[in-house]
Amino acid sequence: MRITSIHQIEITSRCNLACRYCVHPTMPRPKLDMTDEHFARALEWVAHFRRRRTQGELSLHGIGESTLHPKFAEWIGLARKALGSDLRLTTATNGINVTEEQAEAMASAGM
C-alpha cells in the first residue's frame, strides 16, 4: 500500500487525565513529547503530499493530550503553513489546560 497523506500527528503521548474507558493509562510505551526534528520531518511529508494534491486534512492529536506539548501553539502555525489555508486542520482536546495563547493560535489557524 502506498502512503499518499499524513492524516494525524501525535505530538505528545502524555495526558492529564486517566479516564476509565481510555487505553492511555495502560499503554506500556513511554509518555513523551515529539521533538522539533520529528515534527519538522512529518510536516515535510504533509507539504509533499499537499503539492501532490493527495493531502486532504491534518489532525494534531493521538492518544495523548496535544495541548500539553510545550510548543503546541507554535506548532499549530507551522502545521497550517505546511497544510495551506484551504485544507482542514484539527485537534482533539479535553480542553482542561487550554491557555489563551493556545486558543488564539487555534483560532488564527482556522481550527
N, C-alpha and C. Protein backbone atom coordinates (compact mmCIF):
# COMPACT_ATOMS: atom_id res chain seq x y z
N MET A 1 0.83 -1.17 0.00
CA MET A 1 0.00 0.00 0.00
C MET A 1 0.89 1.25 0.00
N ARG A 2 0.59 2.18 -0.88
CA ARG A 2 1.33 3.44 -0.96
C ARG A 2 0.77 4.45 0.03
N ILE A 3 1.65 5.21 0.66
CA ILE A 3 1.22 6.29 1.54
C ILE A 3 1.01 7.52 0.67
N THR A 4 -0.17 8.15 0.81
CA THR A 4 -0.48 9.32 -0.01
C THR A 4 -0.84 10.55 0.82
N SER A 5 -0.86 10.40 2.15
CA SER A 5 -1.14 11.55 3.01
C SER A 5 -0.75 11.22 4.45
N ILE A 6 -0.64 12.27 5.23
CA ILE A 6 -0.43 12.14 6.67
C ILE A 6 -1.72 12.64 7.31
N HIS A 7 -2.49 11.75 7.88
CA HIS A 7 -3.78 12.15 8.45
C HIS A 7 -3.63 12.73 9.86
N GLN A 8 -2.73 12.16 10.63
CA GLN A 8 -2.65 12.51 12.05
C GLN A 8 -1.20 12.54 12.51
N ILE A 9 -0.88 13.51 13.38
CA ILE A 9 0.42 13.56 14.03
C ILE A 9 0.18 13.62 15.53
N GLU A 10 0.68 12.63 16.24
CA GLU A 10 0.57 12.61 17.70
C GLU A 10 1.79 13.35 18.25
N ILE A 11 1.60 14.61 18.67
CA ILE A 11 2.73 15.41 19.11
C ILE A 11 3.15 15.14 20.55
N THR A 12 2.31 14.49 21.29
CA THR A 12 2.67 14.04 22.63
C THR A 12 1.89 12.78 22.97
N SER A 13 2.48 11.94 23.78
CA SER A 13 1.76 10.76 24.28
C SER A 13 1.43 10.93 25.75
N ARG A 14 1.63 12.16 26.27
CA ARG A 14 1.27 12.45 27.66
C ARG A 14 -0.21 12.85 27.73
N CYS A 15 -0.82 12.60 28.87
CA CYS A 15 -2.19 13.03 29.10
C CYS A 15 -2.34 13.47 30.55
N ASN A 16 -3.27 14.41 30.77
CA ASN A 16 -3.50 14.92 32.11
C ASN A 16 -4.72 14.29 32.78
N LEU A 17 -5.30 13.30 32.16
CA LEU A 17 -6.43 12.59 32.74
C LEU A 17 -6.16 11.08 32.76
N ALA A 18 -7.00 10.36 33.46
CA ALA A 18 -6.93 8.90 33.49
C ALA A 18 -8.35 8.35 33.37
N CYS A 19 -8.96 8.59 32.24
CA CYS A 19 -10.35 8.17 32.02
C CYS A 19 -10.45 6.65 32.02
N ARG A 20 -11.49 6.13 32.62
CA ARG A 20 -11.66 4.68 32.76
C ARG A 20 -11.74 3.96 31.42
N TYR A 21 -12.29 4.61 30.44
CA TYR A 21 -12.50 3.98 29.13
C TYR A 21 -11.29 4.08 28.21
N CYS A 22 -10.28 4.86 28.59
CA CYS A 22 -9.15 5.13 27.71
C CYS A 22 -8.03 4.11 27.90
N VAL A 23 -7.37 3.78 26.81
CA VAL A 23 -6.24 2.84 26.87
C VAL A 23 -4.95 3.51 27.33
N HIS A 24 -4.91 4.83 27.33
CA HIS A 24 -3.69 5.56 27.63
C HIS A 24 -3.00 5.12 28.93
N PRO A 25 -3.70 5.05 30.05
CA PRO A 25 -3.01 4.70 31.31
C PRO A 25 -2.36 3.31 31.29
N THR A 26 -2.85 2.41 30.48
CA THR A 26 -2.31 1.05 30.46
C THR A 26 -1.31 0.80 29.34
N MET A 27 -1.09 1.80 28.51
CA MET A 27 -0.14 1.62 27.41
C MET A 27 1.29 1.59 27.95
N PRO A 28 2.08 0.59 27.55
CA PRO A 28 3.43 0.46 28.09
C PRO A 28 4.45 1.42 27.48
N ARG A 29 4.12 2.08 26.38
CA ARG A 29 5.11 2.97 25.74
C ARG A 29 5.35 4.19 26.62
N PRO A 30 6.54 4.79 26.48
CA PRO A 30 6.86 5.99 27.27
C PRO A 30 5.93 7.15 26.93
N LYS A 31 5.69 7.99 27.88
CA LYS A 31 4.86 9.18 27.69
C LYS A 31 5.80 10.35 27.40
N LEU A 32 5.93 10.70 26.12
CA LEU A 32 6.92 11.67 25.66
C LEU A 32 6.31 12.70 24.73
N ASP A 33 7.03 13.83 24.58
CA ASP A 33 6.68 14.85 23.59
C ASP A 33 7.49 14.62 22.33
N MET A 34 6.89 14.89 21.19
CA MET A 34 7.59 14.81 19.91
C MET A 34 8.67 15.90 19.87
N THR A 35 9.77 15.58 19.23
CA THR A 35 10.87 16.55 19.09
C THR A 35 10.61 17.49 17.92
N ASP A 36 11.31 18.62 17.94
CA ASP A 36 11.23 19.56 16.82
C ASP A 36 11.60 18.87 15.51
N GLU A 37 12.65 18.06 15.55
CA GLU A 37 13.13 17.39 14.33
C GLU A 37 12.08 16.45 13.75
N HIS A 38 11.44 15.66 14.60
CA HIS A 38 10.42 14.74 14.10
C HIS A 38 9.19 15.48 13.57
N PHE A 39 8.81 16.54 14.27
CA PHE A 39 7.65 17.31 13.79
C PHE A 39 7.96 17.96 12.45
N ALA A 40 9.15 18.54 12.32
CA ALA A 40 9.55 19.16 11.04
C ALA A 40 9.53 18.13 9.92
N ARG A 41 10.02 16.94 10.20
CA ARG A 41 10.03 15.88 9.17
C ARG A 41 8.61 15.47 8.78
N ALA A 42 7.74 15.34 9.77
CA ALA A 42 6.35 14.99 9.47
C ALA A 42 5.71 16.08 8.61
N LEU A 43 5.99 17.34 8.93
CA LEU A 43 5.41 18.43 8.14
C LEU A 43 6.01 18.50 6.73
N GLU A 44 7.24 18.06 6.56
CA GLU A 44 7.80 17.95 5.21
C GLU A 44 6.97 17.00 4.37
N TRP A 45 6.54 15.88 4.98
CA TRP A 45 5.70 14.93 4.27
C TRP A 45 4.33 15.52 3.98
N VAL A 46 3.76 16.24 4.94
CA VAL A 46 2.47 16.90 4.72
C VAL A 46 2.58 17.84 3.53
N ALA A 47 3.62 18.67 3.49
CA ALA A 47 3.81 19.60 2.38
C ALA A 47 4.01 18.86 1.06
N HIS A 48 4.74 17.76 1.11
CA HIS A 48 4.96 16.94 -0.09
C HIS A 48 3.63 16.43 -0.64
N PHE A 49 2.82 15.86 0.24
CA PHE A 49 1.52 15.32 -0.20
C PHE A 49 0.56 16.43 -0.62
N ARG A 50 0.70 17.59 -0.01
CA ARG A 50 -0.12 18.73 -0.44
C ARG A 50 0.23 19.11 -1.88
N ARG A 51 1.53 19.18 -2.17
CA ARG A 51 1.94 19.51 -3.55
C ARG A 51 1.44 18.46 -4.54
N ARG A 52 1.37 17.22 -4.11
CA ARG A 52 0.87 16.14 -4.99
C ARG A 52 -0.65 16.10 -5.03
N ARG A 53 -1.29 16.95 -4.22
CA ARG A 53 -2.75 17.03 -4.13
C ARG A 53 -3.39 15.76 -3.57
N THR A 54 -2.68 15.09 -2.69
CA THR A 54 -3.25 13.90 -2.04
C THR A 54 -3.48 14.11 -0.54
N GLN A 55 -3.03 15.26 -0.03
CA GLN A 55 -3.23 15.57 1.39
C GLN A 55 -4.60 16.20 1.55
N GLY A 56 -5.48 15.59 2.34
CA GLY A 56 -6.84 16.11 2.50
C GLY A 56 -7.05 16.97 3.71
N GLU A 57 -6.45 16.58 4.82
CA GLU A 57 -6.58 17.31 6.08
C GLU A 57 -5.47 16.83 7.00
N LEU A 58 -5.34 17.47 8.15
CA LEU A 58 -4.34 17.06 9.13
C LEU A 58 -4.91 17.27 10.51
N SER A 59 -4.68 16.29 11.38
CA SER A 59 -5.13 16.38 12.76
C SER A 59 -3.93 16.25 13.69
N LEU A 60 -3.81 17.18 14.62
CA LEU A 60 -2.75 17.12 15.62
C LEU A 60 -3.34 16.54 16.90
N HIS A 61 -3.40 15.23 16.94
CA HIS A 61 -3.87 14.55 18.14
C HIS A 61 -3.48 13.08 18.07
N GLY A 62 -3.77 12.38 19.11
CA GLY A 62 -3.49 10.95 19.21
C GLY A 62 -4.00 10.47 20.55
N ILE A 63 -3.31 9.54 21.15
CA ILE A 63 -3.71 9.06 22.47
C ILE A 63 -3.40 10.12 23.52
N GLY A 64 -2.40 10.94 23.29
CA GLY A 64 -2.03 11.99 24.24
C GLY A 64 -2.88 13.24 24.10
N GLU A 65 -2.73 14.15 25.05
CA GLU A 65 -3.42 15.44 25.05
C GLU A 65 -2.51 16.47 24.40
N SER A 66 -2.79 16.82 23.16
CA SER A 66 -1.91 17.67 22.35
C SER A 66 -1.58 19.00 23.01
N THR A 67 -2.52 19.57 23.74
CA THR A 67 -2.28 20.88 24.34
C THR A 67 -1.23 20.85 25.44
N LEU A 68 -0.81 19.67 25.88
CA LEU A 68 0.25 19.57 26.88
C LEU A 68 1.63 19.76 26.27
N HIS A 69 1.73 19.64 24.96
CA HIS A 69 3.05 19.83 24.34
C HIS A 69 3.45 21.29 24.52
N PRO A 70 4.67 21.55 24.99
CA PRO A 70 5.08 22.93 25.26
C PRO A 70 5.10 23.83 24.02
N LYS A 71 5.14 23.26 22.84
CA LYS A 71 5.16 24.07 21.61
C LYS A 71 3.86 23.97 20.83
N PHE A 72 2.79 23.56 21.48
CA PHE A 72 1.51 23.36 20.80
C PHE A 72 1.09 24.59 19.99
N ALA A 73 1.07 25.76 20.62
CA ALA A 73 0.63 26.98 19.93
C ALA A 73 1.52 27.30 18.73
N GLU A 74 2.82 27.16 18.91
CA GLU A 74 3.76 27.43 17.81
C GLU A 74 3.58 26.43 16.67
N TRP A 75 3.41 25.17 17.04
CA TRP A 75 3.32 24.11 16.03
C TRP A 75 2.04 24.17 15.22
N ILE A 76 0.97 24.74 15.80
CA ILE A 76 -0.25 24.92 15.02
C ILE A 76 0.03 25.80 13.80
N GLY A 77 0.77 26.88 14.02
CA GLY A 77 1.13 27.77 12.92
C GLY A 77 1.98 27.08 11.87
N LEU A 78 2.93 26.27 12.32
CA LEU A 78 3.78 25.53 11.38
C LEU A 78 2.97 24.51 10.58
N ALA A 79 2.04 23.87 11.26
CA ALA A 79 1.18 22.89 10.57
C ALA A 79 0.31 23.59 9.54
N ARG A 80 -0.23 24.73 9.90
CA ARG A 80 -1.08 25.48 8.96
C ARG A 80 -0.27 25.89 7.75
N LYS A 81 0.95 26.32 7.95
CA LYS A 81 1.80 26.73 6.83
C LYS A 81 2.07 25.55 5.89
N ALA A 82 2.37 24.38 6.45
CA ALA A 82 2.63 23.20 5.63
C ALA A 82 1.37 22.73 4.91
N LEU A 83 0.23 22.88 5.56
CA LEU A 83 -1.03 22.38 5.03
C LEU A 83 -1.66 23.33 4.01
N GLY A 84 -1.36 24.61 4.17
CA GLY A 84 -2.02 25.61 3.33
C GLY A 84 -3.29 26.10 3.99
N SER A 85 -3.86 27.12 3.44
CA SER A 85 -5.03 27.74 4.07
C SER A 85 -6.35 27.07 3.73
N ASP A 86 -6.36 26.24 2.70
CA ASP A 86 -7.62 25.68 2.24
C ASP A 86 -7.94 24.28 2.76
N LEU A 87 -6.97 23.61 3.38
CA LEU A 87 -7.23 22.28 3.89
C LEU A 87 -7.51 22.32 5.39
N ARG A 88 -8.25 21.37 5.85
CA ARG A 88 -8.71 21.34 7.24
C ARG A 88 -7.60 20.93 8.21
N LEU A 89 -7.45 21.70 9.29
CA LEU A 89 -6.51 21.41 10.37
C LEU A 89 -7.32 21.27 11.65
N THR A 90 -7.18 20.13 12.34
CA THR A 90 -7.98 19.88 13.54
C THR A 90 -7.11 19.37 14.68
N THR A 91 -7.71 19.33 15.84
CA THR A 91 -7.12 18.68 17.00
C THR A 91 -8.26 18.14 17.84
N ALA A 92 -7.94 17.29 18.78
CA ALA A 92 -8.90 16.80 19.76
C ALA A 92 -8.29 17.09 21.13
N THR A 93 -9.09 17.65 22.02
CA THR A 93 -8.58 18.02 23.33
C THR A 93 -9.66 17.85 24.38
N ASN A 94 -9.25 17.58 25.61
CA ASN A 94 -10.21 17.58 26.70
C ASN A 94 -10.45 19.01 27.17
N GLY A 95 -9.62 19.94 26.74
CA GLY A 95 -9.83 21.36 26.99
C GLY A 95 -9.46 21.87 28.37
N ILE A 96 -9.05 20.99 29.24
CA ILE A 96 -8.80 21.38 30.63
C ILE A 96 -7.70 22.42 30.77
N ASN A 97 -6.62 22.26 30.04
CA ASN A 97 -5.47 23.15 30.18
C ASN A 97 -5.26 24.08 28.98
N VAL A 98 -6.29 24.32 28.19
CA VAL A 98 -6.13 25.19 27.03
C VAL A 98 -5.89 26.62 27.52
N THR A 99 -4.77 27.18 27.12
CA THR A 99 -4.43 28.54 27.52
C THR A 99 -5.00 29.53 26.52
N GLU A 100 -4.98 30.80 26.89
CA GLU A 100 -5.44 31.83 25.97
C GLU A 100 -4.56 31.86 24.72
N GLU A 101 -3.25 31.69 24.91
CA GLU A 101 -2.32 31.65 23.77
C GLU A 101 -2.69 30.51 22.82
N GLN A 102 -2.98 29.34 23.37
CA GLN A 102 -3.34 28.19 22.54
C GLN A 102 -4.66 28.43 21.81
N ALA A 103 -5.63 28.99 22.52
CA ALA A 103 -6.93 29.27 21.91
C ALA A 103 -6.78 30.26 20.76
N GLU A 104 -5.96 31.29 20.96
CA GLU A 104 -5.72 32.27 19.91
C GLU A 104 -5.00 31.64 18.72
N ALA A 105 -4.04 30.75 19.00
CA ALA A 105 -3.32 30.07 17.92
C ALA A 105 -4.26 29.17 17.12
N MET A 106 -5.16 28.48 17.82
CA MET A 106 -6.13 27.63 17.13
C MET A 106 -7.07 28.47 16.28
N ALA A 107 -7.52 29.60 16.80
CA ALA A 107 -8.41 30.47 16.04
C ALA A 107 -7.68 31.05 14.82
N SER A 108 -6.46 31.47 15.00
CA SER A 108 -5.68 32.03 13.88
C SER A 108 -5.44 31.01 12.78
N ALA A 109 -5.32 29.75 13.17
CA ALA A 109 -5.07 28.68 12.20
C ALA A 109 -6.37 28.18 11.57
N GLY A 110 -7.49 28.72 11.99
CA GLY A 110 -8.77 28.28 11.42
C GLY A 110 -9.23 26.94 11.92
N MET A 111 -8.85 26.58 13.13
CA MET A 111 -9.26 25.29 13.69
C MET A 111 -10.69 25.38 14.20
